[in-house]
Amino acid sequence: MQVYLKIHTQGDIEVIAVCDNDLIEKELCEENLKIKISNHFYRGKLVDIDYAIEILSNCANFNIVGKNIIKKALKYGIIHKSSIRKVNNIPMALKMVL
């Protein structure tokens, strides 16, 4: 299983963006919420999901989207079930430590 992983860096802050590979360039809309899984933000390297989990387990800030990456992040305790939001039945989670 592969996912897209992109590292965004600004100063001392890194944000890791990960999405399931089949979600790239999709738009999720629900009520007044619209999220685009854009190439610009998510499409970095196509990597094995286990490698992405390794990176996520060592980072303070991330944005993850997709059933596969969320399921794996839950399994490894990177996120808690209460931190998951679904839009069009697609799960996503954020972690930001400032």
Protein backbone atom coordinates (compact mmCIF):
# COMPACT_ATOMS: atom_id res chain seq x y z
CA MET A 1 0.00 0.00 0.00
CA GLN A 2 1.39 3.40 -0.98
CA VAL A 3 0.52 6.95 0.07
CA TYR A 4 1.67 10.41 -0.91
CA LEU A 5 3.89 12.13 1.65
CA LYS A 6 5.07 15.72 1.47
CA ILE A 7 7.07 17.68 4.04
CA HIS A 8 6.38 21.39 4.31
CA THR A 9 8.99 23.47 6.15
CA GLN A 10 8.77 27.07 7.26
CA GLY A 11 11.49 28.20 9.61
CA ASP A 12 11.73 25.66 12.42
CA ILE A 13 8.25 24.24 11.81
CA GLU A 14 7.57 21.15 9.74
CA VAL A 15 4.14 19.93 8.68
CA ILE A 16 3.83 16.47 7.18
CA ALA A 17 1.00 15.96 4.68
CA VAL A 18 -0.04 12.39 3.87
CA CYS A 19 -2.96 11.11 1.82
CA ASP A 20 -4.05 7.81 0.33
CA ASN A 21 -2.82 7.73 -3.27
CA ASP A 22 -6.32 7.45 -4.74
CA LEU A 23 -7.45 10.75 -3.19
CA ILE A 24 -5.05 13.13 -4.92
CA GLU A 25 -6.87 16.02 -6.64
CA LYS A 26 -10.26 15.01 -5.19
CA GLU A 27 -12.62 17.52 -3.60
CA LEU A 28 -14.55 16.62 -0.49
CA CYS A 29 -17.66 18.71 0.20
CA GLU A 30 -20.08 18.50 3.07
CA GLU A 31 -22.45 21.25 4.17
CA ASN A 32 -20.29 24.41 4.34
CA LEU A 33 -16.96 22.54 4.36
CA LYS A 34 -14.90 22.05 1.18
CA ILE A 35 -11.50 20.36 1.18
CA LYS A 36 -9.33 19.79 -1.87
CA ILE A 37 -6.70 17.07 -1.69
CA SER A 38 -4.38 19.09 -3.89
CA ASN A 39 -1.17 18.20 -5.68
CA HIS A 40 0.38 21.32 -4.21
CA PHE A 41 -0.14 20.31 -0.57
CA TYR A 42 -0.16 16.48 -0.61
CA ARG A 43 1.68 15.20 -3.68
CA GLY A 44 5.24 14.69 -2.62
CA LYS A 45 6.80 11.27 -2.81
CA LEU A 46 4.77 8.12 -3.32
CA VAL A 47 5.97 5.98 -0.39
CA ASP A 48 5.11 2.76 1.36
CA ILE A 49 2.50 3.32 4.08
CA ASP A 50 4.81 1.83 6.75
CA TYR A 51 7.47 4.43 5.90
CA ALA A 52 4.85 7.18 6.22
CA ILE A 53 3.85 5.82 9.66
CA GLU A 54 7.50 5.92 10.74
CA ILE A 55 7.75 9.58 9.71
CA LEU A 56 4.42 10.51 11.34
CA SER A 57 5.36 8.84 14.62
CA ASN A 58 8.30 11.24 14.96
CA CYS A 59 6.68 14.54 13.97
CA ALA A 60 4.80 17.23 15.87
CA ASN A 61 2.59 18.52 13.04
CA PHE A 62 0.70 16.60 10.41
CA ASN A 63 -2.37 16.52 8.20
CA ILE A 64 -3.48 13.05 7.09
CA VAL A 65 -6.39 12.05 4.87
CA GLY A 66 -7.72 8.69 3.75
CA LYS A 67 -9.04 5.41 5.08
CA ASN A 68 -5.74 3.53 4.75
CA ILE A 69 -3.43 6.04 6.42
CA ILE A 70 -5.95 6.80 9.18
CA LYS A 71 -6.46 3.09 9.92
CA LYS A 72 -2.70 2.55 10.15
CA ALA A 73 -2.16 5.68 12.28
CA LEU A 74 -4.85 4.46 14.70
CA LYS A 75 -3.27 1.01 14.87
CA TYR A 76 0.10 2.50 15.87
CA GLY A 77 -1.34 5.02 18.33
CA ILE A 78 -0.31 8.08 16.33
CA ILE A 79 -3.85 9.43 16.49
CA HIS A 80 -6.85 8.79 18.71
CA LYS A 81 -10.28 7.89 17.38
CA SER A 82 -11.67 11.12 18.85
CA SER A 83 -9.37 13.21 16.63
CA ILE A 84 -10.79 11.87 13.36
CA ARG A 85 -13.19 13.96 11.28
CA LYS A 86 -15.01 12.53 8.26
CA VAL A 87 -16.02 14.48 5.16
CA ASN A 88 -17.96 12.51 2.55
CA ASN A 89 -17.10 9.44 4.61
CA ILE A 90 -13.36 10.06 4.07
CA PRO A 91 -11.50 10.25 7.41
CA MET A 92 -8.91 12.90 8.20
CA ALA A 93 -6.91 14.02 11.21
CA LEU A 94 -4.68 16.93 12.15
CA LYS A 95 -2.01 17.31 14.78
CA MET A 96 -0.45 20.69 15.44
CA VAL A 97 1.95 21.50 18.27
CA LEU A 98 3.13 25.08 18.34
